C-alpha atoms as a PDB file:
ATOM      1  CA  MET A   1       7.786   0.398   6.886  1.00  0.00           C
ATOM      2  CA  ASN A   2       6.245  -2.676   8.452  1.00  0.00           C
ATOM      3  CA  GLU A   3       2.734  -4.130   8.380  1.00  0.00           C
ATOM      4  CA  ASP A   4       1.716  -2.478  11.668  1.00  0.00           C
ATOM      5  CA  THR A   5       2.749   0.947  10.421  1.00  0.00           C
ATOM      6  CA  LEU A   6       0.899   0.381   7.157  1.00  0.00           C
ATOM      7  CA  LYS A   7      -2.288  -0.458   9.059  1.00  0.00           C
ATOM      8  CA  GLY A   8      -1.871   2.336  11.569  1.00  0.00           C
ATOM      9  CA  GLN A   9      -1.150   5.001   8.979  1.00  0.00           C
ATOM     10  CA  TRP A  10      -3.505   3.750   6.270  1.00  0.00           C
ATOM     11  CA  THR A  11      -5.672   6.882   6.256  1.00  0.00           C
ATOM     12  CA  HIS A  12      -2.600   8.997   5.522  1.00  0.00           C
ATOM     13  CA  LEU A  13      -1.107   6.523   3.061  1.00  0.00           C
ATOM     14  CA  LYS A  14      -4.137   5.960   0.824  1.00  0.00           C
ATOM     15  CA  GLY A  15      -3.275   8.997  -1.278  1.00  0.00           C
ATOM     16  CA  ARG A  16       0.281   7.802  -1.778  1.00  0.00           C
ATOM     17  CA  VAL A  17      -0.957   4.336  -2.706  1.00  0.00           C
ATOM     18  CA  HIS A  18      -3.317   5.858  -5.261  1.00  0.00           C
ATOM     19  CA  GLU A  19      -0.464   7.963  -6.699  1.00  0.00           C
ATOM     20  CA  LYS A  20       1.630   4.811  -7.149  1.00  0.00           C
ATOM     21  CA  TRP A  21      -1.169   2.542  -8.385  1.00  0.00           C
ATOM     22  CA  GLY A  22      -3.745   4.794 -10.033  1.00  0.00           C
ATOM     23  CA  LYS A  23      -5.856   1.896 -11.266  1.00  0.00           C
ATOM     24  CA  LEU A  24      -6.868   1.091  -7.689  1.00  0.00           C
ATOM     25  CA  THR A  25     -10.330   2.424  -6.958  1.00  0.00           C
ATOM     26  CA  ASN A  26     -11.546   4.065  -3.764  1.00  0.00           C
ATOM     27  CA  ASP A  27     -13.436   0.840  -3.074  1.00  0.00           C
ATOM     28  CA  ASP A  28     -10.164  -1.081  -3.440  1.00  0.00           C
ATOM     29  CA  LEU A  29      -8.487   1.254  -0.949  1.00  0.00           C
ATOM     30  CA  GLU A  30     -11.340   0.818   1.528  1.00  0.00           C
ATOM     31  CA  THR A  31     -11.141  -2.964   1.165  1.00  0.00           C
ATOM     32  CA  ILE A  32      -7.356  -3.050   1.611  1.00  0.00           C
ATOM     33  CA  GLN A  33      -7.442  -1.146   4.943  1.00  0.00           C
ATOM     34  CA  GLY A  34      -3.665  -1.264   5.327  1.00  0.00           C
ATOM     35  CA  ARG A  35      -3.219  -4.995   4.836  1.00  0.00           C
ATOM     36  CA  SER A  36      -0.254  -5.687   2.596  1.00  0.00           C
ATOM     37  CA  GLU A  37      -1.649  -9.015   1.364  1.00  0.00           C
ATOM     38  CA  GLN A  38      -4.806  -7.255   0.200  1.00  0.00           C
ATOM     39  CA  LEU A  39      -2.735  -4.553  -1.487  1.00  0.00           C
ATOM     40  CA  ILE A  40      -0.625  -7.167  -3.267  1.00  0.00           C
ATOM     41  CA  GLY A  41      -3.747  -8.959  -4.479  1.00  0.00           C
ATOM     42  CA  ARG A  42      -5.345  -5.777  -5.794  1.00  0.00           C
ATOM     43  CA  VAL A  43      -2.159  -4.678  -7.571  1.00  0.00           C
ATOM     44  CA  GLN A  44      -1.925  -8.135  -9.133  1.00  0.00           C
ATOM     45  CA  GLU A  45      -5.570  -8.004 -10.230  1.00  0.00           C
ATOM     46  CA  ARG A  46      -5.694  -4.420 -11.529  1.00  0.00           C
ATOM     47  CA  TYR A  47      -2.345  -4.470 -13.324  1.00  0.00           C
ATOM     48  CA  GLY A  48      -2.384  -8.052 -14.570  1.00  0.00           C
ATOM     49  CA  VAL A  49       0.992  -8.944 -13.098  1.00  0.00           C
ATOM     50  CA  VAL A  50       2.073 -12.191 -11.489  1.00  0.00           C
ATOM     51  CA  ARG A  51       2.007 -12.364  -7.712  1.00  0.00           C
ATOM     52  CA  ALA A  52       5.797 -12.195  -7.378  1.00  0.00           C
ATOM     53  CA  GLU A  53       5.854  -8.927  -9.338  1.00  0.00           C
ATOM     54  CA  ALA A  54       3.022  -7.440  -7.254  1.00  0.00           C
ATOM     55  CA  GLU A  55       4.860  -8.466  -4.067  1.00  0.00           C
ATOM     56  CA  ARG A  56       8.059  -6.839  -5.334  1.00  0.00           C
ATOM     57  CA  GLN A  57       6.270  -3.604  -6.196  1.00  0.00           C
ATOM     58  CA  VAL A  58       4.560  -3.388  -2.810  1.00  0.00           C
ATOM     59  CA  LYS A  59       7.737  -4.293  -0.917  1.00  0.00           C
ATOM     60  CA  ASP A  60       9.732  -1.687  -2.846  1.00  0.00           C
ATOM     61  CA  TRP A  61       7.052   0.932  -2.250  1.00  0.00           C
ATOM     62  CA  MET A  62       6.811   0.156   1.459  1.00  0.00           C
ATOM     63  CA  SER A  63      10.573   0.385   1.876  1.00  0.00           C
ATOM     64  CA  GLY A  64      10.594   3.791   0.192  1.00  0.00           C
ATOM     65  CA  VAL A  65       7.867   5.451   2.269  1.00  0.00           C
ATOM     66  CA  LYS A  66       9.312   7.809   4.843  1.00  0.00           C
ATOM     67  CA  VAL A  67       7.559   7.050   8.132  1.00  0.00           C
ATOM     68  CA  GLU A  68       9.008  10.187   9.743  1.00  0.00           C
ATOM     69  CA  SER A  69       6.985  12.371   7.389  1.00  0.00           C
ATOM     70  CA  LEU A  70       3.678  10.784   8.367  1.00  0.00           C
ATOM     71  CA  PRO A  71       1.577  12.433  11.060  1.00  0.00           C
ATOM     72  CA  THR A  72       1.616  10.682  14.435  1.00  0.00           C
ATOM     73  CA  ALA A  73       3.933   7.969  13.164  1.00  0.00           C
ATOM     74  CA  LYS A  74       5.049   5.468  15.773  1.00  0.00           C
ATOM     75  CA  ARG A  75       8.723   4.615  15.728  1.00  0.00           C
END
């Protein structure tokens, strides 16, 4: 998944993000709005990991999300 897909499908992905990173609040999810840099920063902050680790987690998560299963996904 790329940045554009993350932004475009954010409404559908928020639940999956919360499943992966349960410490993120609804306010965090509203602030992130599908921006990977914001997601990385919030993961880093909430989980107390270094930036490189937060980047790895987000990258791994994004690569594992199946775009085909999302409603109205653009390919």
